[in-house]
Amino acid sequence: MTLSPRPLRLLALVALSAGLVACGRDQAAASNRGSGGGDTPVTVTTTVLQPSSFADSIVAIGTARARESITVTAKVSETVQAVHFDSGDEVGKGAVLVTLSGQQQQAALAQAEAASKEAQQLYARQQELARQQLIATSQLDTQRAMRDQAMAQVNQVRAQLGDRSIRAPFAGVLGIRQVSPGALVTPGTAIATLDDISQMYVDFPVPEGALAQLAKGQQVLGRTAAYPDKRLTGIVSTIDARVDPTTRSVTVRADFANADCSLRPGMLVNVELQRSTRTALQLPEIAVVQVGQRTFVYRAKPDGSVEQIDVQVGTRADGRAEILKGLRAGDRVVVDGTGKLRPGSKIAESKAAATASEG
């Protein structure tokens, strides 16, 4: 029996399709074996999880503040008679910064002192007369009150005159001068800033979750953009009594010595708060796999295969990750080669890692 050409072509196409399907299956099987899905072990590096000492830190951005800081202002409306400082001067406590015109107060003081002297003399004479019982005691009491009133008037005028001398309330560094002789100042007029920068405060926020790990006396390291290579060392002095309900953070204040004046009020300071050393389970960060919302590692099983274990990661520092949940001491975890693994994949320790372990 002889077949026509058309049936022969159909038979040939069917045979070719069957061959392609078989070839595809062989390639898929080979691919699965190469990716760890078959019996061929995947070469990896593993580590056995053991507790170790761990000291991490809290990183934040703080603001430098002077130990004492004010804007020097006038108390009265008066004309500037003399300015006794230049911008940037260092002054001691009580140093006279500005003298205001006080001619009226000088005249009032002379008048008050004269009245006080007269009242004192009259009181002395009446005191002698009262001793001789030549005047009534009530008259002496009236003169005593007049004497005291005159003395109070002297003190009041002296205080007003004292307001004409503006002094530094504490030692520090003055800012840019804002007034000149002859200028009229009023209460609240800024004359200059005054900052005590011999010791500085740095205030920085810490999340409320770390509140239990804060304590006075902890060491704080700081760096600034102005001096990036200089390491500053401070000590926690105050932890705020309140947590900010908006940011859910607490403000921490650290004291920094500032003998070289490298810190200035208003500077941003990158701070690192050293927390106390504790025992923790740690892994190299490359061992932790993040896929979507899942965080897991590959744990080696006794039969030489691996399984995925979900973990909770804590602090990451210096290329290592703290494992809070999911693993325990003694677990063997894949560190390098996780990209080739699937649950159930067979693994083999790399020769380099084995040699290093034996050495």
Protein backbone atom coordinates (compact mmCIF):
# COMPACT_ATOMS: atom_id res chain seq x y z
CA MET A 1 0.00 0.00 0.00
CA THR A 2 1.41 3.39 -0.97
CA LEU A 3 0.76 6.53 1.19
CA SER A 4 0.16 9.88 -0.39
CA PRO A 5 2.70 12.71 0.22
CA ARG A 6 0.37 14.64 2.54
CA PRO A 7 -0.05 11.86 5.21
CA LEU A 8 3.74 11.37 5.11
CA ARG A 9 4.33 15.04 5.96
CA LEU A 10 1.85 14.82 8.87
CA LEU A 11 3.63 11.78 10.32
CA ALA A 12 6.96 13.58 10.08
CA LEU A 13 5.62 16.64 11.96
CA VAL A 14 4.21 14.46 14.75
CA ALA A 15 7.55 12.69 15.19
CA LEU A 16 9.41 16.02 15.28
CA SER A 17 7.06 17.43 17.95
CA ALA A 18 7.54 14.35 20.12
CA GLY A 19 11.30 14.73 19.86
CA LEU A 20 11.16 18.41 20.87
CA VAL A 21 9.01 17.62 23.92
CA ALA A 22 11.42 14.92 25.06
CA CYS A 23 14.36 17.25 24.55
CA GLY A 24 12.62 19.98 26.63
CA ARG A 25 12.04 17.55 29.46
CA ASP A 26 15.71 16.53 29.46
CA GLN A 27 16.82 20.18 29.56
CA ALA A 28 14.42 21.01 32.42
CA ALA A 29 15.68 18.03 34.39
CA ALA A 30 19.26 19.10 33.83
CA SER A 31 18.40 22.66 34.89
CA ASN A 32 16.73 21.43 38.06
CA ARG A 33 19.77 19.38 38.95
CA GLY A 34 22.02 22.37 38.34
CA SER A 35 19.89 24.66 40.56
CA GLY A 36 19.84 22.32 43.50
CA GLY A 37 16.51 20.75 42.77
CA GLY A 38 18.01 17.36 42.02
CA ASP A 39 20.54 15.16 43.78
CA THR A 40 23.60 17.29 42.93
CA PRO A 41 24.62 19.16 46.13
CA VAL A 42 24.99 22.93 45.99
CA THR A 43 28.34 24.16 47.29
CA VAL A 44 27.77 26.66 50.11
CA THR A 45 29.41 28.15 53.15
CA THR A 46 27.77 27.60 56.52
CA THR A 47 28.24 28.71 60.10
CA VAL A 48 27.09 27.33 63.43
CA LEU A 49 25.12 29.89 65.41
CA GLN A 50 26.57 30.58 68.87
CA PRO A 51 25.87 33.32 71.45
CA SER A 52 28.42 36.14 71.47
CA SER A 53 28.94 39.50 73.12
CA PHE A 54 27.23 42.28 71.23
CA ALA A 55 27.32 46.03 71.79
CA ASP A 56 25.34 48.13 69.34
CA SER A 57 24.62 51.84 69.27
CA ILE A 58 21.80 54.31 68.68
CA VAL A 59 22.49 56.78 65.89
CA ALA A 60 20.74 60.16 65.84
CA ILE A 61 21.16 63.78 64.80
CA GLY A 62 21.41 66.26 67.65
CA THR A 63 21.63 70.01 68.09
CA ALA A 64 24.43 71.67 70.03
CA ARG A 65 23.45 74.17 72.71
CA ALA A 66 25.56 76.41 74.92
CA ARG A 67 25.75 75.69 78.63
CA GLU A 68 24.39 79.20 79.20
CA SER A 69 23.02 81.37 76.39
CA ILE A 70 21.22 84.74 76.34
CA THR A 71 20.65 87.79 74.20
CA VAL A 72 21.85 90.83 76.15
CA THR A 73 19.16 93.53 76.16
CA ALA A 74 18.47 96.87 77.83
CA LYS A 75 15.97 97.29 80.65
CA VAL A 76 15.20 100.98 80.07
CA SER A 77 14.81 103.47 77.26
CA GLU A 78 18.01 105.47 77.09
CA THR A 79 20.82 106.62 74.81
CA VAL A 80 24.01 104.55 74.57
CA GLN A 81 26.86 106.51 76.11
CA ALA A 82 29.68 103.98 75.58
CA VAL A 83 30.20 100.43 74.32
CA HIS A 84 32.94 98.53 76.16
CA PHE A 85 33.30 95.42 73.99
CA ASP A 86 33.97 94.27 70.45
CA SER A 87 32.28 91.46 68.55
CA GLY A 88 33.62 88.08 69.56
CA ASP A 89 35.20 89.20 72.84
CA GLU A 90 35.47 86.83 75.78
CA VAL A 91 34.20 88.52 78.93
CA GLY A 92 34.02 87.62 82.58
CA LYS A 93 31.01 87.59 84.84
CA GLY A 94 29.95 91.14 85.80
CA ALA A 95 31.95 92.86 83.05
CA VAL A 96 30.37 96.16 81.92
CA LEU A 97 29.29 95.82 78.30
CA VAL A 98 27.38 99.06 77.65
CA THR A 99 26.95 102.27 79.58
CA LEU A 100 23.75 104.23 79.00
CA SER A 101 23.33 107.92 79.58
CA GLY A 102 22.24 108.53 83.19
CA GLN A 103 22.50 112.26 83.82
CA GLN A 104 18.97 112.53 85.19
CA GLN A 105 19.58 109.61 87.52
CA GLN A 106 22.87 111.14 88.70
CA ALA A 107 21.07 114.35 89.59
CA ALA A 108 18.24 112.43 91.26
CA LEU A 109 20.79 110.45 93.27
CA ALA A 110 22.51 113.59 94.53
CA GLN A 111 19.15 115.02 95.57
CA ALA A 112 18.10 111.80 97.30
CA GLU A 113 21.41 111.48 99.15
CA ALA A 114 21.12 115.09 100.38
CA ALA A 115 17.57 114.48 101.61
CA SER A 116 18.67 111.26 103.28
CA LYS A 117 21.55 113.02 105.06
CA GLU A 118 19.27 115.75 106.32
CA ALA A 119 16.70 113.21 107.55
CA GLN A 120 19.43 111.28 109.34
CA GLN A 121 20.73 114.42 111.09
CA LEU A 122 17.24 115.45 112.15
CA TYR A 123 16.57 111.98 113.49
CA ALA A 124 19.78 112.10 115.52
CA ARG A 125 18.81 115.44 117.10
CA GLN A 126 15.30 114.27 117.93
CA GLN A 127 16.71 111.06 119.37
CA GLU A 128 18.75 113.14 121.83
CA LEU A 129 15.69 115.25 122.70
CA ALA A 130 13.62 112.15 123.26
CA ARG A 131 16.29 110.82 125.61
CA GLN A 132 15.87 114.02 127.64
CA GLN A 133 12.09 113.59 127.43
CA LEU A 134 11.72 116.94 125.70
CA ILE A 135 9.66 115.54 122.79
CA ALA A 136 7.08 112.83 122.53
CA THR A 137 8.09 109.34 121.47
CA SER A 138 5.60 109.46 118.61
CA GLN A 139 7.42 112.44 117.13
CA LEU A 140 10.67 110.44 117.16
CA ASP A 141 8.93 107.50 115.47
CA THR A 142 7.68 109.82 112.72
CA GLN A 143 11.17 111.14 112.09
CA ARG A 144 12.56 107.59 112.01
CA ALA A 145 10.05 106.69 109.30
CA MET A 146 11.02 109.78 107.30
CA ARG A 147 14.70 108.82 107.59
CA ASP A 148 14.00 105.26 106.39
CA GLN A 149 11.94 106.59 103.50
CA ALA A 150 14.79 108.90 102.43
CA MET A 151 17.27 106.00 102.53
CA ALA A 152 14.92 103.85 100.44
CA GLN A 153 14.70 106.64 97.89
CA VAL A 154 18.50 106.65 97.62
CA ASN A 155 18.54 102.90 97.03
CA GLN A 156 15.84 103.20 94.38
CA VAL A 157 17.74 105.86 92.42
CA ARG A 158 20.95 103.84 92.69
CA ALA A 159 19.13 100.82 91.22
CA GLN A 160 17.86 102.95 88.35
CA LEU A 161 21.38 104.20 87.79
CA GLY A 162 22.65 100.63 87.87
CA ASP A 163 20.31 99.77 84.99
CA ARG A 164 22.31 102.24 82.92
CA SER A 165 25.32 99.88 83.17
CA ILE A 166 24.59 96.67 81.28
CA ARG A 167 26.78 93.85 82.58
CA ALA A 168 27.49 90.24 81.58
CA PRO A 169 25.52 87.91 83.88
CA PHE A 170 28.05 85.11 83.32
CA ALA A 171 31.39 84.54 81.64
CA GLY A 172 31.26 83.71 77.95
CA VAL A 173 31.82 84.74 74.35
CA LEU A 174 29.97 87.69 72.87
CA GLY A 175 28.44 87.61 69.42
CA ILE A 176 28.21 90.40 66.87
CA ARG A 177 27.69 93.86 68.39
CA GLN A 178 24.27 95.30 67.55
CA VAL A 179 24.52 98.85 68.98
CA SER A 180 26.80 101.88 68.73
CA PRO A 181 27.38 104.95 70.94
CA GLY A 182 24.57 107.47 70.54
CA ALA A 183 21.95 104.87 69.61
CA LEU A 184 18.63 104.92 71.43
CA VAL A 185 17.78 101.59 73.04
CA THR A 186 14.50 100.49 74.55
CA PRO A 187 13.57 97.52 76.76
CA GLY A 188 14.21 94.38 74.71
CA THR A 189 16.64 95.96 72.23
CA ALA A 190 19.27 93.32 71.37
CA ILE A 191 22.80 94.42 72.18
CA ALA A 192 24.69 91.14 71.54
CA THR A 193 24.46 87.44 72.22
CA LEU A 194 26.41 85.90 75.08
CA ASP A 195 27.19 82.17 75.18
CA ASP A 196 29.16 80.10 77.66
CA ILE A 197 30.65 77.50 75.28
CA SER A 198 33.29 76.10 77.62
CA GLN A 199 30.92 73.17 77.98
CA MET A 200 28.22 72.29 75.46
CA TYR A 201 25.00 70.33 75.51
CA VAL A 202 23.84 68.19 72.60
CA ASP A 203 20.14 67.30 72.58
CA PHE A 204 19.04 64.39 70.37
CA PRO A 205 15.90 62.21 70.04
CA VAL A 206 15.82 58.51 70.87
CA PRO A 207 12.87 56.23 69.96
CA GLU A 208 10.72 55.33 72.94
CA GLY A 209 11.39 51.63 72.26
CA ALA A 210 14.99 52.17 73.39
CA LEU A 211 14.03 54.06 76.56
CA ALA A 212 14.75 51.08 78.82
CA GLN A 213 18.31 50.92 77.48
CA LEU A 214 19.11 54.56 78.34
CA ALA A 215 20.93 55.60 81.49
CA LYS A 216 22.84 58.57 82.78
CA GLY A 217 26.58 58.26 82.33
CA GLN A 218 26.46 56.41 79.01
CA GLN A 219 29.13 57.41 76.52
CA VAL A 220 28.13 59.38 73.43
CA LEU A 221 30.31 59.88 70.35
CA GLY A 222 29.78 62.86 68.08
CA ARG A 223 30.92 64.19 64.71
CA THR A 224 30.21 67.46 62.92
CA ALA A 225 30.30 68.52 59.29
CA ALA A 226 32.80 71.26 60.15
CA TYR A 227 35.29 68.78 61.65
CA PRO A 228 34.47 65.41 60.05
CA ASP A 229 37.74 63.79 61.17
CA LYS A 230 37.42 64.88 64.78
CA ARG A 231 35.75 62.52 67.22
CA LEU A 232 33.90 64.18 70.11
CA THR A 233 33.17 62.35 73.34
CA GLY A 234 30.32 63.18 75.70
CA ILE A 235 28.32 61.72 78.56
CA VAL A 236 24.54 61.41 78.91
CA SER A 237 23.50 63.84 81.64
CA THR A 238 19.71 64.12 81.29
CA ILE A 239 16.87 62.00 79.91
CA ASP A 240 13.68 63.98 79.40
CA ALA A 241 10.77 63.08 81.65
CA ARG A 242 8.29 63.11 78.76
CA VAL A 243 7.94 61.24 75.47
CA ASP A 244 6.91 63.39 72.52
CA PRO A 245 3.42 62.11 71.53
CA THR A 246 3.97 63.17 67.91
CA THR A 247 7.37 61.62 67.20
CA ARG A 248 7.20 58.94 69.92
CA SER A 249 10.73 59.79 70.96
CA VAL A 250 12.40 61.07 74.11
CA THR A 251 14.97 63.85 74.16
CA VAL A 252 18.37 62.92 75.59
CA ARG A 253 20.97 65.52 76.59
CA ALA A 254 24.70 64.78 76.56
CA ASP A 255 27.48 66.97 77.99
CA PHE A 256 30.51 67.67 75.80
CA ALA A 257 33.69 69.41 76.94
CA ASN A 258 34.52 72.19 74.48
CA ALA A 259 37.87 73.65 75.45
CA ASP A 260 38.85 74.23 71.81
CA CYS A 261 35.45 75.77 70.93
CA SER A 262 34.93 73.33 68.05
CA LEU A 263 31.25 73.07 68.95
CA ARG A 264 29.08 76.14 68.44
CA PRO A 265 25.45 76.68 69.46
CA GLY A 266 23.06 75.54 66.75
CA MET A 267 25.46 73.03 65.14
CA LEU A 268 24.12 69.70 63.90
CA VAL A 269 25.95 66.81 65.53
CA ASN A 270 25.81 63.19 64.38
CA VAL A 271 25.74 61.28 67.64
CA GLU A 272 26.21 57.62 68.39
CA LEU A 273 25.03 56.39 71.78
CA GLN A 274 26.93 53.33 72.93
CA ARG A 275 24.59 50.85 74.56
CA SER A 276 25.69 48.29 77.15
CA THR A 277 27.19 44.98 76.01
CA ARG A 278 24.79 42.05 75.87
CA THR A 279 24.76 38.43 74.71
CA ALA A 280 23.07 37.86 71.35
CA LEU A 281 22.85 35.46 68.39
CA GLN A 282 24.46 37.04 65.34
CA LEU A 283 24.81 36.11 61.69
CA PRO A 284 26.59 37.69 58.75
CA GLU A 285 24.04 39.90 57.02
CA ILE A 286 24.45 38.03 53.72
CA ALA A 287 22.92 34.95 55.35
CA VAL A 288 19.60 36.77 55.82
CA VAL A 289 17.32 36.64 52.77
CA GLN A 290 14.60 39.25 52.28
CA VAL A 291 11.80 38.42 49.83
CA GLY A 292 8.84 40.78 49.99
CA GLN A 293 7.62 40.86 53.59
CA ARG A 294 9.44 37.65 54.48
CA THR A 295 12.82 37.51 56.19
CA PHE A 296 14.34 34.06 56.39
CA VAL A 297 17.53 32.00 56.42
CA TYR A 298 18.44 28.55 55.14
CA ARG A 299 19.07 26.14 58.01
CA ALA A 300 20.92 22.90 57.36
CA LYS A 301 19.15 19.68 58.32
CA PRO A 302 20.83 16.49 59.54
CA ASP A 303 20.16 14.76 56.19
CA GLY A 304 22.27 17.33 54.31
CA SER A 305 19.34 19.33 52.93
CA VAL A 306 18.15 22.81 53.86
CA GLU A 307 14.92 24.37 55.03
CA GLN A 308 13.68 27.95 55.12
CA ILE A 309 13.31 29.42 58.61
CA ASP A 310 11.55 32.75 59.15
CA VAL A 311 13.53 34.97 61.50
CA GLN A 312 13.13 38.30 63.24
CA VAL A 313 16.17 40.53 62.85
CA GLY A 314 17.20 43.10 65.44
CA THR A 315 20.12 45.47 65.11
CA ARG A 316 22.40 45.37 62.08
CA ALA A 317 25.95 46.62 62.60
CA ASP A 318 29.36 46.02 61.05
CA GLY A 319 28.00 43.53 58.52
CA ARG A 320 26.29 41.37 61.12
CA ALA A 321 22.63 40.97 62.03
CA GLU A 322 21.15 40.19 65.43
CA ILE A 323 18.65 37.31 65.37
CA LEU A 324 15.84 37.81 67.86
CA LYS A 325 13.50 34.95 66.92
CA GLY A 326 13.48 31.85 64.70
CA LEU A 327 16.86 30.30 65.47
CA ARG A 328 18.68 28.97 68.47
CA ALA A 329 22.26 28.29 69.46
CA GLY A 330 23.77 25.31 67.61
CA ASP A 331 21.79 25.76 64.37
CA ARG A 332 23.90 25.51 61.20
CA VAL A 333 22.96 28.24 58.76
CA VAL A 334 23.97 28.83 55.15
CA VAL A 335 25.95 32.05 54.80
CA ASP A 336 27.17 32.13 51.19
CA GLY A 337 25.33 30.52 48.28
CA THR A 338 21.73 31.18 49.33
CA GLY A 339 20.81 32.37 45.84
CA LYS A 340 21.09 28.82 44.46
CA LEU A 341 19.00 27.14 47.14
CA ARG A 342 15.40 26.01 47.40
CA PRO A 343 13.70 24.24 50.30
CA GLY A 344 14.95 20.65 50.30
CA SER A 345 18.12 21.37 48.29
CA LYS A 346 21.16 19.26 49.14
CA ILE A 347 24.26 21.20 50.18
CA ALA A 348 27.97 20.58 50.46
CA GLU A 349 30.44 22.72 52.39
CA SER A 350 32.89 24.55 50.17
CA LYS A 351 36.46 23.23 50.27
CA ALA A 352 37.85 26.66 51.05
CA ALA A 353 35.61 26.99 54.10
CA ALA A 354 36.41 23.46 55.22
CA THR A 355 40.15 24.05 54.86
CA ALA A 356 39.90 27.31 56.83
CA SER A 357 37.92 25.53 59.53
CA GLU A 358 40.51 22.75 59.81
CA GLY A 359 43.34 25.30 59.93
